[in-house]
Each structure stands twice: as structure tokens, then as C-alpha cells.
Amino acid sequence: MIEKTIVFIDAGFLSKLSKELGKGKYLKYDLFEFCSIIVKKEKLELEKIYYYNASPFISNNPTKEEIERKEKYNNFTNKLRKNTLIEVKEGRCQRIKLKNGEYEYNQKGVDTLLTIDMTTLPLKYPHIKKIILIACDSDFVPVIKEINKYQVKTLLYTYYEKGRNRILSTSNQLFQVVSKYELITIDDFNNAKLNNNKKVRLQLK
């Protein structure tokens, strides 16, 4: 019998990576197929995908751009929810006005939701002994250490750029606490081709 696994996805990270590898343009790919490819690489069987994201910011008097972005996001997540193996969990998007008058957008509560689900994993899924985490945030180090106590191995799929203050970088601490790590490549996206009948594209912001 093939061992089963659960995939935990930090959508903010995956979106930034898609844009980075797409040289400024979001890559088009099927999220479910993307996860399935990674699961097969590990010779595991997929049981569930947890996808953590934040709905785009909407102001009190939303602009046309904000409305369009929100509609695209809703269309995307609604399509994801039609797949019973995917569970979408949402935080919120915070907008901060900078001194130069521009705005900065940050996801809030997303990492907390992911951490809670990983913490309760041994209780909810006692048969799962390997999970796949698609992320790069060192905030997940404590929870990975905790589930290690229950003999749950974390297989990290991430991306790494050398140098400080890079758009995408992964903490050495994260590499040290996981059981294994692999770097995501553009081929992983390209091999997860979209089905024209159920087009699903990852959108963020």
C-alpha cells in the first residue's frame, strides 16, 4: 500500500515564485496537477491539499482594479473548492500607506492558519507520517520541530536565491529542521499543464 501524504501550501510564496520564474509574469498551471507531480516524486499518494491565501484588499470605495482583482480571485478559489481534495483557508490582506504615498500589501493570519493545521495534524491524521510543505518562511520552524516529536517528517519544497533581502529566500533554520528539501523549478510548473475545460490560474494581490 502506498503511503499517503498531505500538502500544505503557502499561496503567497507560490505566487511570488510563479512570477519570479515567469520573469515578471505569472505562470499558467493547474494547481492540483502541480501538487500531484510533487507527491509522485516522493512516491506517495495524495490525501489532501491545504491551500492558504488571503483575499485581495478592497477599500471602502473600491476601484475598478480592486473589483476586477477580487472577481478573479473568487473565480479561482471557487474552482479550487470544487475539488474535494483541496481545502482553501483564508486570512486577510492588510494595506499600509508608505511615506512616499505608495501602498504596501501584506497577508495577515495566513501563517497562523497553516501552523494550527500542522500542529493538529497528528490528532486529525494519525496515519500521516510524511507531509509536504510548499513554503519558505522560517516562522514554520517551531511547528515542524513539534510534529517531529510525533515522528511526522516534513518534506520541504521551496526556492532559494543567494544574498540578503532577496524577493525569495529560505532560512537555513528551515532547511535544518525538515527531513528533506527540494527546490521547485520552472519545469514543475510547466509539467502541470492546464486543462482548457477547467482552467485554473493562481492569482494573488
C-alpha atoms as a PDB file:
ATOM      1  CA  MET A   1       0.000   0.000   0.000  1.00  0.00           C
ATOM      2  CA  ILE A   2       1.349   3.444  -0.960  1.00  0.00           C
ATOM      3  CA  GLU A   3       1.897   5.813   1.948  1.00  0.00           C
ATOM      4  CA  LYS A   4      -0.393   8.854   1.942  1.00  0.00           C
ATOM      5  CA  THR A   5       0.560  12.477   2.439  1.00  0.00           C
ATOM      6  CA  ILE A   6      -0.928  15.945   2.899  1.00  0.00           C
ATOM      7  CA  VAL A   7       0.324  19.018   1.049  1.00  0.00           C
ATOM      8  CA  PHE A   8       0.399  22.397   2.824  1.00  0.00           C
ATOM      9  CA  ILE A   9       0.759  25.412   0.503  1.00  0.00           C
ATOM     10  CA  ASP A  10       1.690  28.981   1.370  1.00  0.00           C
ATOM     11  CA  ALA A  11      -0.060  30.601  -1.594  1.00  0.00           C
ATOM     12  CA  GLY A  12       1.761  33.908  -1.201  1.00  0.00           C
ATOM     13  CA  PHE A  13       5.110  32.183  -1.608  1.00  0.00           C
ATOM     14  CA  LEU A  14       3.953  30.077  -4.545  1.00  0.00           C
ATOM     15  CA  SER A  15       2.540  33.123  -6.308  1.00  0.00           C
ATOM     16  CA  LYS A  16       5.777  35.095  -5.911  1.00  0.00           C
ATOM     17  CA  LEU A  17       7.751  32.116  -7.158  1.00  0.00           C
ATOM     18  CA  SER A  18       5.498  31.730 -10.193  1.00  0.00           C
ATOM     19  CA  LYS A  19       6.072  35.386 -11.077  1.00  0.00           C
ATOM     20  CA  GLU A  20       9.813  35.139 -10.436  1.00  0.00           C
ATOM     21  CA  LEU A  21      10.278  32.075 -12.631  1.00  0.00           C
ATOM     22  CA  GLY A  22       7.938  33.593 -15.212  1.00  0.00           C
ATOM     23  CA  LYS A  23      10.227  36.649 -15.400  1.00  0.00           C
ATOM     24  CA  GLY A  24       7.601  39.065 -14.190  1.00  0.00           C
ATOM     25  CA  LYS A  25       4.537  37.209 -15.468  1.00  0.00           C
ATOM     26  CA  TYR A  26       2.524  34.670 -13.513  1.00  0.00           C
ATOM     27  CA  LEU A  27       2.942  31.179 -14.924  1.00  0.00           C
ATOM     28  CA  LYS A  28      -0.221  29.374 -16.028  1.00  0.00           C
ATOM     29  CA  TYR A  29      -0.590  25.952 -14.463  1.00  0.00           C
ATOM     30  CA  ASP A  30      -3.008  23.574 -12.819  1.00  0.00           C
ATOM     31  CA  LEU A  31      -2.546  23.711  -9.053  1.00  0.00           C
ATOM     32  CA  PHE A  32      -3.870  20.201  -8.420  1.00  0.00           C
ATOM     33  CA  GLU A  33      -1.636  18.734 -11.117  1.00  0.00           C
ATOM     34  CA  PHE A  34       1.320  20.693  -9.729  1.00  0.00           C
ATOM     35  CA  CYS A  35       0.809  19.106  -6.302  1.00  0.00           C
ATOM     36  CA  SER A  36       0.197  15.669  -7.809  1.00  0.00           C
ATOM     37  CA  ILE A  37       3.531  15.820  -9.637  1.00  0.00           C
ATOM     38  CA  ILE A  38       5.388  16.668  -6.429  1.00  0.00           C
ATOM     39  CA  VAL A  39       3.593  13.918  -4.494  1.00  0.00           C
ATOM     40  CA  LYS A  40       4.526  11.358  -7.171  1.00  0.00           C
ATOM     41  CA  LYS A  41       8.154  12.469  -6.988  1.00  0.00           C
ATOM     42  CA  GLU A  42       8.128  11.388  -3.358  1.00  0.00           C
ATOM     43  CA  LYS A  43       6.409   8.097  -4.254  1.00  0.00           C
ATOM     44  CA  LEU A  44       3.468   8.984  -2.053  1.00  0.00           C
ATOM     45  CA  GLU A  45      -0.302   9.140  -2.521  1.00  0.00           C
ATOM     46  CA  LEU A  46      -2.201  12.399  -2.115  1.00  0.00           C
ATOM     47  CA  GLU A  47      -4.820  12.539   0.622  1.00  0.00           C
ATOM     48  CA  LYS A  48      -5.450  16.293   0.962  1.00  0.00           C
ATOM     49  CA  ILE A  49      -4.215  19.709  -0.131  1.00  0.00           C
ATOM     50  CA  TYR A  50      -4.468  22.658   2.248  1.00  0.00           C
ATOM     51  CA  TYR A  51      -4.133  25.965   0.416  1.00  0.00           C
ATOM     52  CA  TYR A  52      -3.615  29.133   2.460  1.00  0.00           C
ATOM     53  CA  ASN A  53      -4.254  32.521   0.905  1.00  0.00           C
ATOM     54  CA  ALA A  54      -5.697  35.977   1.588  1.00  0.00           C
ATOM     55  CA  SER A  55      -8.464  37.627  -0.362  1.00  0.00           C
ATOM     56  CA  PRO A  56      -7.332  40.806  -2.189  1.00  0.00           C
ATOM     57  CA  PHE A  57      -7.697  44.104  -0.372  1.00  0.00           C
ATOM     58  CA  ILE A  58     -10.924  46.008  -1.003  1.00  0.00           C
ATOM     59  CA  SER A  59     -11.181  49.650   0.072  1.00  0.00           C
ATOM     60  CA  ASN A  60     -14.375  51.304   1.333  1.00  0.00           C
ATOM     61  CA  ASN A  61     -14.825  52.831  -2.107  1.00  0.00           C
ATOM     62  CA  PRO A  62     -13.302  50.095  -4.268  1.00  0.00           C
ATOM     63  CA  THR A  63     -11.637  50.984  -7.524  1.00  0.00           C
ATOM     64  CA  LYS A  64     -12.343  49.165 -10.762  1.00  0.00           C
ATOM     65  CA  GLU A  65      -8.989  47.422 -10.433  1.00  0.00           C
ATOM     66  CA  GLU A  66      -9.791  46.231  -6.910  1.00  0.00           C
ATOM     67  CA  ILE A  67     -13.157  44.863  -8.033  1.00  0.00           C
ATOM     68  CA  GLU A  68     -11.646  43.038 -11.006  1.00  0.00           C
ATOM     69  CA  ARG A  69      -8.875  41.574  -8.850  1.00  0.00           C
ATOM     70  CA  LYS A  70     -11.424  40.379  -6.302  1.00  0.00           C
ATOM     71  CA  GLU A  71     -13.582  38.777  -9.012  1.00  0.00           C
ATOM     72  CA  LYS A  72     -10.598  36.918 -10.463  1.00  0.00           C
ATOM     73  CA  TYR A  73      -9.626  35.718  -7.014  1.00  0.00           C
ATOM     74  CA  ASN A  74     -13.157  34.495  -6.273  1.00  0.00           C
ATOM     75  CA  ASN A  75     -13.356  32.660  -9.594  1.00  0.00           C
ATOM     76  CA  PHE A  76     -10.060  30.948  -8.886  1.00  0.00           C
ATOM     77  CA  THR A  77     -10.874  29.866  -5.334  1.00  0.00           C
ATOM     78  CA  ASN A  78     -14.377  28.717  -6.320  1.00  0.00           C
ATOM     79  CA  LYS A  79     -12.838  26.415  -8.914  1.00  0.00           C
ATOM     80  CA  LEU A  80     -10.391  25.080  -6.347  1.00  0.00           C
ATOM     81  CA  ARG A  81     -13.206  24.315  -3.902  1.00  0.00           C
ATOM     82  CA  LYS A  82     -14.925  22.113  -6.481  1.00  0.00           C
ATOM     83  CA  ASN A  83     -12.100  19.636  -5.947  1.00  0.00           C
ATOM     84  CA  THR A  84     -12.892  17.750  -2.742  1.00  0.00           C
ATOM     85  CA  LEU A  85      -9.194  17.077  -2.149  1.00  0.00           C
ATOM     86  CA  ILE A  86      -8.454  20.797  -1.847  1.00  0.00           C
ATOM     87  CA  GLU A  87      -9.362  22.893   1.178  1.00  0.00           C
ATOM     88  CA  VAL A  88      -8.920  26.658   0.881  1.00  0.00           C
ATOM     89  CA  LYS A  89      -8.221  28.609   4.062  1.00  0.00           C
ATOM     90  CA  GLU A  90      -8.135  32.391   4.053  1.00  0.00           C
ATOM     91  CA  GLY A  91      -6.548  35.122   6.124  1.00  0.00           C
ATOM     92  CA  ARG A  92      -6.890  38.793   5.232  1.00  0.00           C
ATOM     93  CA  CYS A  93      -4.949  41.372   3.260  1.00  0.00           C
ATOM     94  CA  GLN A  94      -3.659  44.464   5.070  1.00  0.00           C
ATOM     95  CA  ARG A  95      -2.870  47.709   3.237  1.00  0.00           C
ATOM     96  CA  ILE A  96      -0.290  50.098   4.675  1.00  0.00           C
ATOM     97  CA  LYS A  97       0.366  53.557   3.252  1.00  0.00           C
ATOM     98  CA  LEU A  98       4.077  54.328   2.990  1.00  0.00           C
ATOM     99  CA  LYS A  99       5.753  57.680   3.456  1.00  0.00           C
ATOM    100  CA  ASN A 100       6.169  58.111  -0.297  1.00  0.00           C
ATOM    101  CA  GLY A 101       2.397  57.794  -0.764  1.00  0.00           C
ATOM    102  CA  GLU A 102       2.515  54.304  -2.213  1.00  0.00           C
ATOM    103  CA  TYR A 103       0.832  51.290  -0.621  1.00  0.00           C
ATOM    104  CA  GLU A 104       2.264  48.056   0.718  1.00  0.00           C
ATOM    105  CA  TYR A 105       0.096  44.930   0.953  1.00  0.00           C
ATOM    106  CA  ASN A 106       0.663  42.131   3.463  1.00  0.00           C
ATOM    107  CA  GLN A 107      -1.140  38.895   4.208  1.00  0.00           C
ATOM    108  CA  LYS A 108      -2.277  38.585   7.813  1.00  0.00           C
ATOM    109  CA  GLY A 109      -3.242  35.421   9.673  1.00  0.00           C
ATOM    110  CA  VAL A 110      -2.284  33.057   6.850  1.00  0.00           C
ATOM    111  CA  ASP A 111       0.810  31.610   8.542  1.00  0.00           C
ATOM    112  CA  THR A 112      -1.183  31.204  11.755  1.00  0.00           C
ATOM    113  CA  LEU A 113      -3.845  29.108  10.000  1.00  0.00           C
ATOM    114  CA  LEU A 114      -1.194  26.910   8.426  1.00  0.00           C
ATOM    115  CA  THR A 115       0.624  26.472  11.731  1.00  0.00           C
ATOM    116  CA  ILE A 116      -2.579  25.485  13.544  1.00  0.00           C
ATOM    117  CA  ASP A 117      -3.372  22.807  10.964  1.00  0.00           C
ATOM    118  CA  MET A 118       0.146  21.398  11.085  1.00  0.00           C
ATOM    119  CA  THR A 119       0.042  21.342  14.896  1.00  0.00           C
ATOM    120  CA  THR A 120      -3.218  19.366  14.958  1.00  0.00           C
ATOM    121  CA  LEU A 121      -2.114  17.017  12.180  1.00  0.00           C
ATOM    122  CA  PRO A 122      -1.087  14.120  14.490  1.00  0.00           C
ATOM    123  CA  LEU A 123      -4.574  14.211  16.040  1.00  0.00           C
ATOM    124  CA  LYS A 124      -6.626  14.593  12.847  1.00  0.00           C
ATOM    125  CA  TYR A 125      -4.488  12.374  10.624  1.00  0.00           C
ATOM    126  CA  PRO A 126      -2.617   9.906  12.862  1.00  0.00           C
ATOM    127  CA  HIS A 127      -1.808   7.711   9.846  1.00  0.00           C
ATOM    128  CA  ILE A 128       0.069  10.510   8.051  1.00  0.00           C
ATOM    129  CA  LYS A 129       3.802  10.288   8.723  1.00  0.00           C
ATOM    130  CA  LYS A 130       5.099  12.469   5.888  1.00  0.00           C
ATOM    131  CA  ILE A 131       3.813  15.868   4.851  1.00  0.00           C
ATOM    132  CA  ILE A 132       4.851  18.163   2.002  1.00  0.00           C
ATOM    133  CA  LEU A 133       5.255  21.852   2.824  1.00  0.00           C
ATOM    134  CA  ILE A 134       5.453  24.361  -0.039  1.00  0.00           C
ATOM    135  CA  ALA A 135       6.828  27.488   1.619  1.00  0.00           C
ATOM    136  CA  CYS A 136       9.970  29.412   2.556  1.00  0.00           C
ATOM    137  CA  ASP A 137       9.109  31.073   5.869  1.00  0.00           C
ATOM    138  CA  SER A 138      11.235  30.421   8.963  1.00  0.00           C
ATOM    139  CA  ASP A 139       8.107  31.037  11.087  1.00  0.00           C
ATOM    140  CA  PHE A 140       7.255  27.380  10.425  1.00  0.00           C
ATOM    141  CA  VAL A 141      10.384  26.107  12.195  1.00  0.00           C
ATOM    142  CA  PRO A 142       8.745  25.698  15.652  1.00  0.00           C
ATOM    143  CA  VAL A 143       5.744  23.738  14.368  1.00  0.00           C
ATOM    144  CA  ILE A 144       7.972  21.465  12.283  1.00  0.00           C
ATOM    145  CA  LYS A 145      10.033  20.731  15.393  1.00  0.00           C
ATOM    146  CA  GLU A 146       6.821  19.963  17.270  1.00  0.00           C
ATOM    147  CA  ILE A 147       5.409  17.468  14.784  1.00  0.00           C
ATOM    148  CA  ASN A 148       8.848  15.838  14.557  1.00  0.00           C
ATOM    149  CA  LYS A 149       8.143  14.626  18.101  1.00  0.00           C
ATOM    150  CA  TYR A 150       5.258  12.594  16.660  1.00  0.00           C
ATOM    151  CA  GLN A 151       7.506  11.018  14.019  1.00  0.00           C
ATOM    152  CA  VAL A 152       5.959  13.148  11.270  1.00  0.00           C
ATOM    153  CA  LYS A 153       8.529  14.015   8.606  1.00  0.00           C
ATOM    154  CA  THR A 154       8.314  17.330   6.748  1.00  0.00           C
ATOM    155  CA  LEU A 155       9.379  17.332   3.093  1.00  0.00           C
ATOM    156  CA  LEU A 156      10.023  20.937   2.092  1.00  0.00           C
ATOM    157  CA  TYR A 157       9.553  22.194  -1.473  1.00  0.00           C
ATOM    158  CA  THR A 158      10.899  25.700  -1.737  1.00  0.00           C
ATOM    159  CA  TYR A 159      13.090  28.090  -3.701  1.00  0.00           C
ATOM    160  CA  TYR A 160      16.330  29.784  -2.818  1.00  0.00           C
ATOM    161  CA  GLU A 161      18.081  32.923  -4.012  1.00  0.00           C
ATOM    162  CA  LYS A 162      21.512  33.833  -2.715  1.00  0.00           C
ATOM    163  CA  GLY A 163      22.005  37.109  -0.905  1.00  0.00           C
ATOM    164  CA  ARG A 164      20.136  39.006   1.784  1.00  0.00           C
ATOM    165  CA  ASN A 165      16.895  40.872   1.148  1.00  0.00           C
ATOM    166  CA  ARG A 166      16.141  38.865  -1.952  1.00  0.00           C
ATOM    167  CA  ILE A 167      12.487  38.599  -3.023  1.00  0.00           C
ATOM    168  CA  LEU A 168      12.602  34.862  -2.407  1.00  0.00           C
ATOM    169  CA  SER A 169      14.921  33.334   0.152  1.00  0.00           C
ATOM    170  CA  THR A 170      14.675  30.425   2.549  1.00  0.00           C
ATOM    171  CA  SER A 171      16.089  30.426   6.068  1.00  0.00           C
ATOM    172  CA  ASN A 172      18.878  27.993   6.891  1.00  0.00           C
ATOM    173  CA  GLN A 173      16.895  27.180  10.029  1.00  0.00           C
ATOM    174  CA  LEU A 174      14.088  25.820   7.877  1.00  0.00           C
ATOM    175  CA  PHE A 175      16.492  23.614   5.919  1.00  0.00           C
ATOM    176  CA  GLN A 176      17.899  22.250   9.174  1.00  0.00           C
ATOM    177  CA  VAL A 177      14.616  21.128  10.775  1.00  0.00           C
ATOM    178  CA  VAL A 178      12.964  19.415   7.780  1.00  0.00           C
ATOM    179  CA  SER A 179      13.624  15.797   6.867  1.00  0.00           C
ATOM    180  CA  LYS A 180      14.300  16.683   3.226  1.00  0.00           C
ATOM    181  CA  TYR A 181      14.129  19.684   0.930  1.00  0.00           C
ATOM    182  CA  GLU A 182      13.860  20.128  -2.816  1.00  0.00           C
ATOM    183  CA  LEU A 183      13.999  23.286  -4.908  1.00  0.00           C
ATOM    184  CA  ILE A 184      10.979  23.984  -7.110  1.00  0.00           C
ATOM    185  CA  THR A 185      11.882  24.577 -10.761  1.00  0.00           C
ATOM    186  CA  ILE A 186      10.083  26.068 -13.729  1.00  0.00           C
ATOM    187  CA  ASP A 187       9.674  22.535 -15.082  1.00  0.00           C
ATOM    188  CA  ASP A 188       7.440  21.706 -12.116  1.00  0.00           C
ATOM    189  CA  PHE A 189       5.082  24.458 -13.281  1.00  0.00           C
ATOM    190  CA  ASN A 190       5.396  23.683 -16.987  1.00  0.00           C
ATOM    191  CA  ASN A 191       4.651  19.987 -16.450  1.00  0.00           C
ATOM    192  CA  ALA A 192       1.414  20.875 -14.629  1.00  0.00           C
ATOM    193  CA  LYS A 193      -0.386  21.867 -17.793  1.00  0.00           C
ATOM    194  CA  LEU A 194      -3.789  23.464 -17.652  1.00  0.00           C
ATOM    195  CA  ASN A 195      -6.837  21.593 -18.802  1.00  0.00           C
ATOM    196  CA  ASN A 196      -8.702  24.042 -21.033  1.00  0.00           C
ATOM    197  CA  ASN A 197     -12.007  22.714 -19.730  1.00  0.00           C
ATOM    198  CA  LYS A 198     -11.149  23.641 -16.125  1.00  0.00           C
ATOM    199  CA  LYS A 199      -8.689  26.477 -16.393  1.00  0.00           C
ATOM    200  CA  VAL A 200      -7.247  27.371 -13.014  1.00  0.00           C
ATOM    201  CA  ARG A 201      -4.647  30.070 -12.681  1.00  0.00           C
ATOM    202  CA  LEU A 202      -3.009  31.198  -9.475  1.00  0.00           C
ATOM    203  CA  GLN A 203      -3.684  34.857  -8.740  1.00  0.00           C
ATOM    204  CA  LEU A 204      -2.572  36.990  -5.838  1.00  0.00           C
ATOM    205  CA  LYS A 205      -2.824  40.700  -4.863  1.00  0.00           C
END
